[in-house]
PDB file of N, CA and C in Angstrom:
ATOM      1  N   MET A   1     -15.683   4.331 -34.046  1.00  0.00           N
ATOM      2  CA  MET A   1     -16.028   3.712 -32.785  1.00  0.00           C
ATOM      3  C   MET A   1     -15.008   2.654 -32.391  1.00  0.00           C
ATOM      4  N   LEU A   2     -14.584   1.836 -33.302  1.00  0.00           N
ATOM      5  CA  LEU A   2     -13.605   0.800 -33.009  1.00  0.00           C
ATOM      6  C   LEU A   2     -12.286   1.416 -32.557  1.00  0.00           C
ATOM      7  N   LEU A   3     -11.873   2.493 -33.150  1.00  0.00           N
ATOM      8  CA  LEU A   3     -10.637   3.175 -32.774  1.00  0.00           C
ATOM      9  C   LEU A   3     -10.724   3.670 -31.327  1.00  0.00           C
ATOM     10  N   PHE A   4     -11.867   4.220 -30.947  1.00  0.00           N
ATOM     11  CA  PHE A   4     -12.072   4.707 -29.591  1.00  0.00           C
ATOM     12  C   PHE A   4     -11.963   3.558 -28.583  1.00  0.00           C
ATOM     13  N   VAL A   5     -12.577   2.446 -28.858  1.00  0.00           N
ATOM     14  CA  VAL A   5     -12.546   1.290 -27.961  1.00  0.00           C
ATOM     15  C   VAL A   5     -11.117   0.779 -27.827  1.00  0.00           C
ATOM     16  N   ALA A   6     -10.385   0.703 -28.926  1.00  0.00           N
ATOM     17  CA  ALA A   6      -8.998   0.230 -28.887  1.00  0.00           C
ATOM     18  C   ALA A   6      -8.136   1.169 -28.056  1.00  0.00           C
ATOM     19  N   SER A   7      -8.353   2.479 -28.203  1.00  0.00           N
ATOM     20  CA  SER A   7      -7.535   3.415 -27.424  1.00  0.00           C
ATOM     21  C   SER A   7      -7.909   3.362 -25.950  1.00  0.00           C
ATOM     22  N   GLU A   8      -9.175   3.162 -25.627  1.00  0.00           N
ATOM     23  CA  GLU A   8      -9.586   3.029 -24.237  1.00  0.00           C
ATOM     24  C   GLU A   8      -8.971   1.789 -23.589  1.00  0.00           C
ATOM     25  N   ALA A   9      -8.875   0.704 -24.342  1.00  0.00           N
ATOM     26  CA  ALA A   9      -8.285  -0.525 -23.808  1.00  0.00           C
ATOM     27  C   ALA A   9      -6.836  -0.300 -23.420  1.00  0.00           C
ATOM     28  N   GLY A  10      -6.128   0.539 -24.143  1.00  0.00           N
ATOM     29  CA  GLY A  10      -4.734   0.831 -23.838  1.00  0.00           C
ATOM     30  C   GLY A  10      -4.562   1.657 -22.579  1.00  0.00           C
ATOM     31  N   ILE A  11      -5.599   2.381 -22.184  1.00  0.00           N
ATOM     32  CA  ILE A  11      -5.521   3.251 -21.015  1.00  0.00           C
ATOM     33  C   ILE A  11      -5.695   2.473 -19.714  1.00  0.00           C
ATOM     34  N   LEU A  12      -6.449   1.376 -19.748  1.00  0.00           N
ATOM     35  CA  LEU A  12      -6.716   0.630 -18.526  1.00  0.00           C
ATOM     36  C   LEU A  12      -5.418   0.169 -17.868  1.00  0.00           C
ATOM     37  N   VAL A  13      -5.314   0.433 -16.604  1.00  0.00           N
ATOM     38  CA  VAL A  13      -4.135   0.071 -15.819  1.00  0.00           C
ATOM     39  C   VAL A  13      -4.528  -1.067 -14.884  1.00  0.00           C
ATOM     40  N   HIS A  14      -3.578  -1.930 -14.588  1.00  0.00           N
ATOM     41  CA  HIS A  14      -3.848  -3.066 -13.706  1.00  0.00           C
ATOM     42  C   HIS A  14      -4.417  -2.609 -12.359  1.00  0.00           C
ATOM     43  N   LYS A  15      -5.210  -3.447 -11.744  1.00  0.00           N
ATOM     44  CA  LYS A  15      -5.762  -3.161 -10.420  1.00  0.00           C
ATOM     45  C   LYS A  15      -4.748  -3.606  -9.368  1.00  0.00           C
ATOM     46  N   VAL A  16      -4.610  -2.828  -8.311  1.00  0.00           N
ATOM     47  CA  VAL A  16      -3.698  -3.133  -7.213  1.00  0.00           C
ATOM     48  C   VAL A  16      -4.512  -3.510  -5.982  1.00  0.00           C
ATOM     49  N   ASP A  17      -4.105  -4.588  -5.339  1.00  0.00           N
ATOM     50  CA  ASP A  17      -4.686  -5.014  -4.068  1.00  0.00           C
ATOM     51  C   ASP A  17      -3.610  -4.784  -3.009  1.00  0.00           C
ATOM     52  N   LEU A  18      -3.817  -3.795  -2.150  1.00  0.00           N
ATOM     53  CA  LEU A  18      -2.828  -3.367  -1.160  1.00  0.00           C
ATOM     54  C   LEU A  18      -3.313  -3.756   0.235  1.00  0.00           C
ATOM     55  N   LEU A  19      -2.489  -4.523   0.950  1.00  0.00           N
ATOM     56  CA  LEU A  19      -2.815  -4.939   2.315  1.00  0.00           C
ATOM     57  C   LEU A  19      -1.724  -4.460   3.256  1.00  0.00           C
ATOM     58  N   ILE A  20      -2.124  -3.967   4.427  1.00  0.00           N
ATOM     59  CA  ILE A  20      -1.180  -3.490   5.437  1.00  0.00           C
ATOM     60  C   ILE A  20      -1.452  -4.269   6.717  1.00  0.00           C
ATOM     61  N   TYR A  21      -0.485  -5.096   7.134  1.00  0.00           N
ATOM     62  CA  TYR A  21      -0.609  -5.947   8.321  1.00  0.00           C
ATOM     63  C   TYR A  21       0.119  -5.343   9.518  1.00  0.00           C
ATOM     64  N   ASN A  22      -0.465  -5.493  10.695  1.00  0.00           N
ATOM     65  CA  ASN A  22       0.210  -5.135  11.935  1.00  0.00           C
ATOM     66  C   ASN A  22       1.128  -6.303  12.311  1.00  0.00           C
ATOM     67  N   ASP A  23       2.439  -6.080  12.248  1.00  0.00           N
ATOM     68  CA  ASP A  23       3.435  -7.098  12.612  1.00  0.00           C
ATOM     69  C   ASP A  23       4.293  -6.603  13.778  1.00  0.00           C
ATOM     70  N   LEU A  24       3.679  -5.833  14.698  1.00  0.00           N
ATOM     71  CA  LEU A  24       4.419  -5.223  15.812  1.00  0.00           C
ATOM     72  C   LEU A  24       4.634  -6.167  16.982  1.00  0.00           C
ATOM     73  N   GLN A  25       3.878  -7.241  17.068  1.00  0.00           N
ATOM     74  CA  GLN A  25       4.024  -8.266  18.106  1.00  0.00           C
ATOM     75  C   GLN A  25       3.642  -7.764  19.496  1.00  0.00           C
ATOM     76  N   ASN A  26       3.728  -8.648  20.461  1.00  0.00           N
ATOM     77  CA  ASN A  26       3.445  -8.374  21.877  1.00  0.00           C
ATOM     78  C   ASN A  26       2.095  -7.699  22.110  1.00  0.00           C
ATOM     79  N   GLY A  27       1.116  -7.969  21.272  1.00  0.00           N
ATOM     80  CA  GLY A  27      -0.211  -7.408  21.471  1.00  0.00           C
ATOM     81  C   GLY A  27      -0.319  -5.918  21.226  1.00  0.00           C
ATOM     82  N   THR A  28       0.655  -5.334  20.552  1.00  0.00           N
ATOM     83  CA  THR A  28       0.661  -3.893  20.301  1.00  0.00           C
ATOM     84  C   THR A  28      -0.342  -3.548  19.200  1.00  0.00           C
ATOM     85  N   PHE A  29      -1.194  -2.572  19.470  1.00  0.00           N
ATOM     86  CA  PHE A  29      -2.143  -2.095  18.474  1.00  0.00           C
ATOM     87  C   PHE A  29      -1.478  -1.069  17.574  1.00  0.00           C
ATOM     88  N   LEU A  30      -1.862  -1.072  16.304  1.00  0.00           N
ATOM     89  CA  LEU A  30      -1.350  -0.139  15.299  1.00  0.00           C
ATOM     90  C   LEU A  30      -2.507   0.707  14.791  1.00  0.00           C
ATOM     91  N   THR A  31      -2.336   2.020  14.833  1.00  0.00           N
ATOM     92  CA  THR A  31      -3.314   2.942  14.255  1.00  0.00           C
ATOM     93  C   THR A  31      -2.733   3.474  12.955  1.00  0.00           C
ATOM     94  N   ILE A  32      -3.463   3.269  11.854  1.00  0.00           N
ATOM     95  CA  ILE A  32      -2.985   3.768  10.566  1.00  0.00           C
ATOM     96  C   ILE A  32      -4.006   4.737   9.982  1.00  0.00           C
ATOM     97  N   HIS A  33      -3.479   5.717   9.253  1.00  0.00           N
ATOM     98  CA  HIS A  33      -4.311   6.689   8.547  1.00  0.00           C
ATOM     99  C   HIS A  33      -3.667   6.914   7.189  1.00  0.00           C
ATOM    100  N   CYS A  34      -4.310   6.405   6.148  1.00  0.00           N
ATOM    101  CA  CYS A  34      -3.748   6.470   4.799  1.00  0.00           C
ATOM    102  C   CYS A  34      -4.538   7.435   3.924  1.00  0.00           C
ATOM    103  N   LYS A  35      -3.804   8.099   3.008  1.00  0.00           N
ATOM    104  CA  LYS A  35      -4.394   9.087   2.110  1.00  0.00           C
ATOM    105  C   LYS A  35      -3.671   9.061   0.766  1.00  0.00           C
ATOM    106  N   SER A  36      -4.366   9.593  -0.229  1.00  0.00           N
ATOM    107  CA  SER A  36      -3.737   9.969  -1.484  1.00  0.00           C
ATOM    108  C   SER A  36      -4.090  11.437  -1.695  1.00  0.00           C
ATOM    109  N   LYS A  37      -3.695  11.984  -2.817  1.00  0.00           N
ATOM    110  CA  LYS A  37      -4.040  13.377  -3.091  1.00  0.00           C
ATOM    111  C   LYS A  37      -5.562  13.547  -3.196  1.00  0.00           C
ATOM    112  N   GLN A  38      -6.233  12.497  -3.698  1.00  0.00           N
ATOM    113  CA  GLN A  38      -7.674  12.575  -3.915  1.00  0.00           C
ATOM    114  C   GLN A  38      -8.511  11.922  -2.814  1.00  0.00           C
ATOM    115  N   ASP A  39      -7.966  10.939  -2.123  1.00  0.00           N
ATOM    116  CA  ASP A  39      -8.777  10.132  -1.205  1.00  0.00           C
ATOM    117  C   ASP A  39      -8.178  10.054   0.194  1.00  0.00           C
ATOM    118  N   ASP A  40      -9.052  10.167   1.200  1.00  0.00           N
ATOM    119  CA  ASP A  40      -8.687   9.917   2.590  1.00  0.00           C
ATOM    120  C   ASP A  40      -9.315   8.577   2.951  1.00  0.00           C
ATOM    121  N   LEU A  41      -8.488   7.572   3.237  1.00  0.00           N
ATOM    122  CA  LEU A  41      -8.977   6.221   3.493  1.00  0.00           C
ATOM    123  C   LEU A  41      -9.389   5.996   4.944  1.00  0.00           C
ATOM    124  N   GLY A  42      -9.289   7.031   5.764  1.00  0.00           N
ATOM    125  CA  GLY A  42      -9.760   6.949   7.137  1.00  0.00           C
ATOM    126  C   GLY A  42      -8.729   6.388   8.105  1.00  0.00           C
ATOM    127  N   VAL A  43      -9.097   6.395   9.384  1.00  0.00           N
ATOM    128  CA  VAL A  43      -8.244   5.906  10.464  1.00  0.00           C
ATOM    129  C   VAL A  43      -8.693   4.488  10.814  1.00  0.00           C
ATOM    130  N   HIS A  44      -7.713   3.590  10.980  1.00  0.00           N
ATOM    131  CA  HIS A  44      -8.020   2.195  11.274  1.00  0.00           C
ATOM    132  C   HIS A  44      -7.136   1.705  12.412  1.00  0.00           C
ATOM    133  N   LEU A  45      -7.731   0.997  13.363  1.00  0.00           N
ATOM    134  CA  LEU A  45      -7.016   0.410  14.495  1.00  0.00           C
ATOM    135  C   LEU A  45      -6.867  -1.080  14.244  1.00  0.00           C
ATOM    136  N   LEU A  46      -5.626  -1.552  14.206  1.00  0.00           N
ATOM    137  CA  LEU A  46      -5.344  -2.949  13.883  1.00  0.00           C
ATOM    138  C   LEU A  46      -4.692  -3.658  15.061  1.00  0.00           C
ATOM    139  N   ALA A  47      -5.270  -4.774  15.470  1.00  0.00           N
ATOM    140  CA  ALA A  47      -4.628  -5.652  16.455  1.00  0.00           C
ATOM    141  C   ALA A  47      -3.514  -6.417  15.736  1.00  0.00           C
ATOM    142  N   TYR A  48      -2.690  -7.103  16.498  1.00  0.00           N
ATOM    143  CA  TYR A  48      -1.588  -7.883  15.911  1.00  0.00           C
ATOM    144  C   TYR A  48      -2.127  -8.849  14.853  1.00  0.00           C
ATOM    145  N   ARG A  49      -1.528  -8.834  13.674  1.00  0.00           N
ATOM    146  CA  ARG A  49      -1.826  -9.639  12.484  1.00  0.00           C
ATOM    147  C   ARG A  49      -3.155  -9.283  11.815  1.00  0.00           C
ATOM    148  N   ASP A  50      -3.870  -8.267  12.301  1.00  0.00           N
ATOM    149  CA  ASP A  50      -5.011  -7.745  11.552  1.00  0.00           C
ATOM    150  C   ASP A  50      -4.467  -6.927  10.386  1.00  0.00           C
ATOM    151  N   TYR A  51      -5.331  -6.673   9.411  1.00  0.00           N
ATOM    152  CA  TYR A  51      -4.876  -5.912   8.257  1.00  0.00           C
ATOM    153  C   TYR A  51      -5.942  -4.952   7.763  1.00  0.00           C
ATOM    154  N   PHE A  52      -5.473  -3.968   7.024  1.00  0.00           N
ATOM    155  CA  PHE A  52      -6.324  -3.018   6.312  1.00  0.00           C
ATOM    156  C   PHE A  52      -6.071  -3.261   4.827  1.00  0.00           C
ATOM    157  N   GLU A  53      -7.146  -3.274   4.037  1.00  0.00           N
ATOM    158  CA  GLU A  53      -7.018  -3.563   2.603  1.00  0.00           C
ATOM    159  C   GLU A  53      -7.686  -2.479   1.780  1.00  0.00           C
ATOM    160  N   VAL A  54      -7.042  -2.118   0.679  1.00  0.00           N
ATOM    161  CA  VAL A  54      -7.632  -1.191  -0.282  1.00  0.00           C
ATOM    162  C   VAL A  54      -7.295  -1.697  -1.685  1.00  0.00           C
ATOM    163  N   LYS A  55      -8.259  -1.570  -2.586  1.00  0.00           N
ATOM    164  CA  LYS A  55      -8.061  -1.948  -3.988  1.00  0.00           C
ATOM    165  C   LYS A  55      -8.264  -0.709  -4.838  1.00  0.00           C
ATOM    166  N   PHE A  56      -7.392  -0.513  -5.803  1.00  0.00           N
ATOM    167  CA  PHE A  56      -7.466   0.673  -6.650  1.00  0.00           C
ATOM    168  C   PHE A  56      -6.750   0.424  -7.975  1.00  0.00           C
ATOM    169  N   ARG A  57      -6.969   1.321  -8.909  1.00  0.00           N
ATOM    170  CA  ARG A  57      -6.216   1.323 -10.164  1.00  0.00           C
ATOM    171  C   ARG A  57      -5.300   2.538 -10.147  1.00  0.00           C
ATOM    172  N   PRO A  58      -3.988   2.329 -10.328  1.00  0.00           N
ATOM    173  CA  PRO A  58      -3.077   3.478 -10.425  1.00  0.00           C
ATOM    174  C   PRO A  58      -3.471   4.348 -11.620  1.00  0.00           C
ATOM    175  N   ASN A  59      -3.177   5.626 -11.535  1.00  0.00           N
ATOM    176  CA  ASN A  59      -3.525   6.494 -12.665  1.00  0.00           C
ATOM    177  C   ASN A  59      -2.605   6.215 -13.861  1.00  0.00           C
ATOM    178  N   MET A  60      -3.046   6.611 -15.030  1.00  0.00           N
ATOM    179  CA  MET A  60      -2.299   6.305 -16.252  1.00  0.00           C
ATOM    180  C   MET A  60      -1.039   7.155 -16.402  1.00  0.00           C
ATOM    181  N   PHE A  61      -0.865   8.170 -15.563  1.00  0.00           N
ATOM    182  CA  PHE A  61       0.308   9.030 -15.649  1.00  0.00           C
ATOM    183  C   PHE A  61       1.486   8.498 -14.832  1.00  0.00           C
ATOM    184  N   GLY A  62       1.264   7.429 -14.062  1.00  0.00           N
ATOM    185  CA  GLY A  62       2.335   6.853 -13.257  1.00  0.00           C
ATOM    186  C   GLY A  62       2.703   7.694 -12.040  1.00  0.00           C
ATOM    187  N   THR A  63       1.720   8.430 -11.506  1.00  0.00           N
ATOM    188  CA  THR A  63       2.000   9.319 -10.373  1.00  0.00           C
ATOM    189  C   THR A  63       1.189   8.965  -9.127  1.00  0.00           C
ATOM    190  N   THR A  64       0.567   7.792  -9.103  1.00  0.00           N
ATOM    191  CA  THR A  64      -0.253   7.397  -7.947  1.00  0.00           C
ATOM    192  C   THR A  64       0.613   7.285  -6.696  1.00  0.00           C
ATOM    193  N   LEU A  65       0.132   7.883  -5.604  1.00  0.00           N
ATOM    194  CA  LEU A  65       0.846   7.867  -4.327  1.00  0.00           C
ATOM    195  C   LEU A  65      -0.172   7.721  -3.199  1.00  0.00           C
ATOM    196  N   PHE A  66       0.044   6.737  -2.341  1.00  0.00           N
ATOM    197  CA  PHE A  66      -0.688   6.614  -1.082  1.00  0.00           C
ATOM    198  C   PHE A  66       0.338   6.676   0.039  1.00  0.00           C
ATOM    199  N   TYR A  67       0.079   7.486   1.042  1.00  0.00           N
ATOM    200  CA  TYR A  67       0.978   7.606   2.184  1.00  0.00           C
ATOM    201  C   TYR A  67       0.176   7.390   3.459  1.00  0.00           C
ATOM    202  N   CYS A  68       0.860   6.873   4.486  1.00  0.00           N
ATOM    203  CA  CYS A  68       0.174   6.536   5.737  1.00  0.00           C
ATOM    204  C   CYS A  68       0.956   7.026   6.941  1.00  0.00           C
ATOM    205  N   SER A  69       0.222   7.483   7.946  1.00  0.00           N
ATOM    206  CA  SER A  69       0.822   7.687   9.262  1.00  0.00           C
ATOM    207  C   SER A  69       0.525   6.418  10.045  1.00  0.00           C
ATOM    208  N   MET A  70       1.495   6.004  10.848  1.00  0.00           N
ATOM    209  CA  MET A  70       1.348   4.785  11.644  1.00  0.00           C
ATOM    210  C   MET A  70       1.781   5.095  13.067  1.00  0.00           C
ATOM    211  N   GLN A  71       0.901   4.784  14.025  1.00  0.00           N
ATOM    212  CA  GLN A  71       1.155   5.125  15.423  1.00  0.00           C
ATOM    213  C   GLN A  71       1.006   3.910  16.315  1.00  0.00           C
ATOM    214  N   TRP A  72       1.919   3.803  17.276  1.00  0.00           N
ATOM    215  CA  TRP A  72       1.824   2.785  18.329  1.00  0.00           C
ATOM    216  C   TRP A  72       2.735   3.213  19.471  1.00  0.00           C
ATOM    217  N   ASP A  73       2.385   2.859  20.668  1.00  0.00           N
ATOM    218  CA  ASP A  73       3.200   3.144  21.861  1.00  0.00           C
ATOM    219  C   ASP A  73       3.782   4.558  21.863  1.00  0.00           C
ATOM    220  N   ALA A  74       2.948   5.548  21.609  1.00  0.00           N
ATOM    221  CA  ALA A  74       3.339   6.965  21.651  1.00  0.00           C
ATOM    222  C   ALA A  74       4.406   7.333  20.616  1.00  0.00           C
ATOM    223  N   THR A  75       4.542   6.548  19.554  1.00  0.00           N
ATOM    224  CA  THR A  75       5.443   6.904  18.450  1.00  0.00           C
ATOM    225  C   THR A  75       4.612   7.053  17.179  1.00  0.00           C
ATOM    226  N   THR A  76       5.052   7.942  16.292  1.00  0.00           N
ATOM    227  CA  THR A  76       4.384   8.151  15.009  1.00  0.00           C
ATOM    228  C   THR A  76       5.420   8.084  13.898  1.00  0.00           C
ATOM    229  N   HIS A  77       5.091   7.348  12.849  1.00  0.00           N
ATOM    230  CA  HIS A  77       5.955   7.240  11.672  1.00  0.00           C
ATOM    231  C   HIS A  77       5.107   7.478  10.429  1.00  0.00           C
ATOM    232  N   TRP A  78       5.773   7.903   9.342  1.00  0.00           N
ATOM    233  CA  TRP A  78       5.132   8.106   8.042  1.00  0.00           C
ATOM    234  C   TRP A  78       5.826   7.235   7.020  1.00  0.00           C
ATOM    235  N   PHE A  79       5.040   6.778   6.022  1.00  0.00           N
ATOM    236  CA  PHE A  79       5.640   6.020   4.930  1.00  0.00           C
ATOM    237  C   PHE A  79       4.761   6.124   3.691  1.00  0.00           C
ATOM    238  N   ASP A  80       5.414   6.221   2.524  1.00  0.00           N
ATOM    239  CA  ASP A  80       4.709   6.193   1.243  1.00  0.00           C
ATOM    240  C   ASP A  80       4.422   4.721   0.935  1.00  0.00           C
ATOM    241  N   ILE A  81       3.223   4.269   1.244  1.00  0.00           N
ATOM    242  CA  ILE A  81       2.887   2.849   1.189  1.00  0.00           C
ATOM    243  C   ILE A  81       2.715   2.360  -0.244  1.00  0.00           C
ATOM    244  N   TYR A  82       2.399   3.260  -1.178  1.00  0.00           N
ATOM    245  CA  TYR A  82       2.350   2.887  -2.590  1.00  0.00           C
ATOM    246  C   TYR A  82       2.774   4.080  -3.436  1.00  0.00           C
ATOM    247  N   THR A  83       3.755   3.871  -4.284  1.00  0.00           N
ATOM    248  CA  THR A  83       4.135   4.854  -5.293  1.00  0.00           C
ATOM    249  C   THR A  83       4.267   4.120  -6.620  1.00  0.00           C
ATOM    250  N   SER A  84       3.703   4.697  -7.668  1.00  0.00           N
ATOM    251  CA  SER A  84       3.787   4.071  -8.990  1.00  0.00           C
ATOM    252  C   SER A  84       5.225   3.911  -9.447  1.00  0.00           C
ATOM    253  N   GLU A  85       6.086   4.843  -9.060  1.00  0.00           N
ATOM    254  CA  GLU A  85       7.494   4.782  -9.470  1.00  0.00           C
ATOM    255  C   GLU A  85       8.217   3.584  -8.865  1.00  0.00           C
ATOM    256  N   ARG A  86       7.915   3.233  -7.613  1.00  0.00           N
ATOM    257  CA  ARG A  86       8.618   2.155  -6.916  1.00  0.00           C
ATOM    258  C   ARG A  86       7.922   0.813  -7.045  1.00  0.00           C
ATOM    259  N   ASP A  87       6.606   0.810  -6.941  1.00  0.00           N
ATOM    260  CA  ASP A  87       5.856  -0.434  -6.792  1.00  0.00           C
ATOM    261  C   ASP A  87       5.276  -0.922  -8.121  1.00  0.00           C
ATOM    262  N   THR A  88       5.581  -2.167  -8.449  1.00  0.00           N
ATOM    263  CA  THR A  88       5.059  -2.785  -9.670  1.00  0.00           C
ATOM    264  C   THR A  88       4.126  -3.948  -9.349  1.00  0.00           C
ATOM    265  N   CYS A  89       3.901  -4.203  -8.084  1.00  0.00           N
ATOM    266  CA  CYS A  89       3.095  -5.355  -7.673  1.00  0.00           C
ATOM    267  C   CYS A  89       1.613  -5.113  -7.954  1.00  0.00           C
ATOM    268  N   THR A  90       0.888  -6.191  -8.176  1.00  0.00           N
ATOM    269  CA  THR A  90      -0.569  -6.126  -8.260  1.00  0.00           C
ATOM    270  C   THR A  90      -1.188  -6.603  -6.947  1.00  0.00           C
ATOM    271  N   TYR A  91      -0.445  -7.411  -6.204  1.00  0.00           N
ATOM    272  CA  TYR A  91      -0.836  -7.840  -4.860  1.00  0.00           C
ATOM    273  C   TYR A  91       0.311  -7.406  -3.941  1.00  0.00           C
ATOM    274  N   CYS A  92       0.104  -6.294  -3.238  1.00  0.00           N
ATOM    275  CA  CYS A  92       1.156  -5.695  -2.412  1.00  0.00           C
ATOM    276  C   CYS A  92       0.799  -5.888  -0.943  1.00  0.00           C
ATOM    277  N   SER A  93       1.537  -6.714  -0.257  1.00  0.00           N
ATOM    278  CA  SER A  93       1.273  -7.020   1.143  1.00  0.00           C
ATOM    279  C   SER A  93       2.406  -6.442   1.993  1.00  0.00           C
ATOM    280  N   TRP A  94       2.057  -5.519   2.893  1.00  0.00           N
ATOM    281  CA  TRP A  94       3.033  -4.854   3.755  1.00  0.00           C
ATOM    282  C   TRP A  94       2.917  -5.373   5.180  1.00  0.00           C
ATOM    283  N   ASN A  95       4.047  -5.660   5.809  1.00  0.00           N
ATOM    284  CA  ASN A  95       4.107  -5.978   7.235  1.00  0.00           C
ATOM    285  C   ASN A  95       4.741  -4.791   7.937  1.00  0.00           C
ATOM    286  N   VAL A  96       3.996  -4.163   8.848  1.00  0.00           N
ATOM    287  CA  VAL A  96       4.500  -3.008   9.588  1.00  0.00           C
ATOM    288  C   VAL A  96       5.253  -3.514  10.808  1.00  0.00           C
ATOM    289  N   ARG A  97       6.548  -3.157  10.880  1.00  0.00           N
ATOM    290  CA  ARG A  97       7.425  -3.562  11.979  1.00  0.00           C
ATOM    291  C   ARG A  97       8.034  -2.314  12.616  1.00  0.00           C
ATOM    292  N   PRO A  98       8.551  -2.410  13.833  1.00  0.00           N
ATOM    293  CA  PRO A  98       9.085  -1.216  14.503  1.00  0.00           C
ATOM    294  C   PRO A  98      10.179  -0.491  13.713  1.00  0.00           C
ATOM    295  N   ASP A  99      11.023  -1.235  13.002  1.00  0.00           N
ATOM    296  CA  ASP A  99      12.123  -0.597  12.281  1.00  0.00           C
ATOM    297  C   ASP A  99      11.745  -0.157  10.873  1.00  0.00           C
ATOM    298  N   GLY A 100      10.536  -0.468  10.416  1.00  0.00           N
ATOM    299  CA  GLY A 100      10.063  -0.038   9.102  1.00  0.00           C
ATOM    300  C   GLY A 100       9.163  -1.074   8.465  1.00  0.00           C
ATOM    301  N   PRO A 101       8.444  -0.684   7.422  1.00  0.00           N
ATOM    302  CA  PRO A 101       7.547  -1.616   6.751  1.00  0.00           C
ATOM    303  C   PRO A 101       8.289  -2.502   5.754  1.00  0.00           C
ATOM    304  N   CYS A 102       7.793  -3.735   5.579  1.00  0.00           N
ATOM    305  CA  CYS A 102       8.380  -4.684   4.633  1.00  0.00           C
ATOM    306  C   CYS A 102       7.326  -5.084   3.614  1.00  0.00           C
ATOM    307  N   LEU A 103       7.685  -4.983   2.343  1.00  0.00           N
ATOM    308  CA  LEU A 103       6.793  -5.329   1.240  1.00  0.00           C
ATOM    309  C   LEU A 103       7.019  -6.774   0.829  1.00  0.00           C
ATOM    310  N   MET A 104       5.950  -7.572   0.884  1.00  0.00           N
ATOM    311  CA  MET A 104       5.983  -8.953   0.402  1.00  0.00           C
ATOM    312  C   MET A 104       5.283  -8.961  -0.951  1.00  0.00           C
ATOM    313  N   GLU A 105       6.068  -9.022  -2.018  1.00  0.00           N
ATOM    314  CA  GLU A 105       5.492  -9.043  -3.359  1.00  0.00           C
ATOM    315  C   GLU A 105       5.255 -10.474  -3.789  1.00  0.00           C
ATOM    316  N   SER A 106       4.062 -10.724  -4.269  1.00  0.00           N
ATOM    317  CA  SER A 106       3.705 -12.067  -4.702  1.00  0.00           C
ATOM    318  C   SER A 106       2.949 -11.954  -6.013  1.00  0.00           C
ATOM    319  N   ASP A 107       3.699 -11.817  -7.092  1.00  0.00           N
ATOM    320  CA  ASP A 107       3.119 -11.738  -8.419  1.00  0.00           C
ATOM    321  C   ASP A 107       3.519 -12.971  -9.213  1.00  0.00           C
ATOM    322  N   LYS A 108       2.967 -13.103 -10.399  1.00  0.00           N
ATOM    323  CA  LYS A 108       3.256 -14.264 -11.242  1.00  0.00           C
ATOM    324  C   LYS A 108       4.751 -14.429 -11.500  1.00  0.00           C
ATOM    325  N   SER A 109       5.459 -13.326 -11.641  1.00  0.00           N
ATOM    326  CA  SER A 109       6.865 -13.393 -12.032  1.00  0.00           C
ATOM    327  C   SER A 109       7.845 -13.471 -10.864  1.00  0.00           C
ATOM    328  N   LYS A 110       7.408 -13.105  -9.638  1.00  0.00           N
ATOM    329  CA  LYS A 110       8.367 -13.107  -8.536  1.00  0.00           C
ATOM    330  C   LYS A 110       7.696 -13.170  -7.176  1.00  0.00           C
ATOM    331  N   ASN A 111       8.460 -13.638  -6.207  1.00  0.00           N
ATOM    332  CA  ASN A 111       8.097 -13.585  -4.792  1.00  0.00           C
ATOM    333  C   ASN A 111       9.296 -12.997  -4.074  1.00  0.00           C
ATOM    334  N   SER A 112       9.118 -11.856  -3.450  1.00  0.00           N
ATOM    335  CA  SER A 112      10.253 -11.224  -2.790  1.00  0.00           C
ATOM    336  C   SER A 112       9.791 -10.407  -1.589  1.00  0.00           C
ATOM    337  N   THR A 113      10.743 -10.123  -0.693  1.00  0.00           N
ATOM    338  CA  THR A 113      10.504  -9.280   0.477  1.00  0.00           C
ATOM    339  C   THR A 113      11.531  -8.158   0.472  1.00  0.00           C
ATOM    340  N   THR A 114      11.055  -6.930   0.598  1.00  0.00           N
ATOM    341  CA  THR A 114      11.931  -5.763   0.652  1.00  0.00           C
ATOM    342  C   THR A 114      11.515  -4.909   1.836  1.00  0.00           C
ATOM    343  N   CYS A 115      12.452  -4.643   2.752  1.00  0.00           N
ATOM    344  CA  CYS A 115      12.166  -3.813   3.924  1.00  0.00           C
ATOM    345  C   CYS A 115      12.706  -2.403   3.702  1.00  0.00           C
ATOM    346  N   TYR A 116      11.994  -1.437   4.235  1.00  0.00           N
ATOM    347  CA  TYR A 116      12.322  -0.015   4.063  1.00  0.00           C
ATOM    348  C   TYR A 116      12.432   0.646   5.429  1.00  0.00           C
ATOM    349  N   HIS A 117      13.079   1.811   5.437  1.00  0.00           N
ATOM    350  CA  HIS A 117      13.124   2.654   6.628  1.00  0.00           C
ATOM    351  C   HIS A 117      11.940   3.616   6.582  1.00  0.00           C
ATOM    352  N   TRP A 118      11.557   4.128   7.721  1.00  0.00           N
ATOM    353  CA  TRP A 118      10.483   5.110   7.778  1.00  0.00           C
ATOM    354  C   TRP A 118      10.914   6.386   7.053  1.00  0.00           C
ATOM    355  N   ASN A 119       9.921   7.153   6.520  1.00  0.00           N
ATOM    356  CA  ASN A 119      10.228   8.444   5.884  1.00  0.00           C
ATOM    357  C   ASN A 119      10.805   9.381   6.915  1.00  0.00           C
TER     358      ASN A 119
END
């Protein structure tokens, strides 16, 4: 029994708190629709500086992926908002901007901002 408990403790993966903010400015609304292979997180309409939040545990295989479509002003973009291969943050805050999303990482070891291009 003790061996089983010890092995289970090794499997637990950190919890991720993922936030997606509308940073489009000028009162532009952002419609987002995020999914993973297993979960559809639904469609959400965000006013400027509103956010959508999801909390999850990445899988133990390191293959967790969440992707989102983002629409505003008759344009549609796609982005992989969380990938286990790229993202190591436990608190992942994204600002959606016209030229691409920017990740604001705020963990114990670092504070950084990284901007990406749309897929």
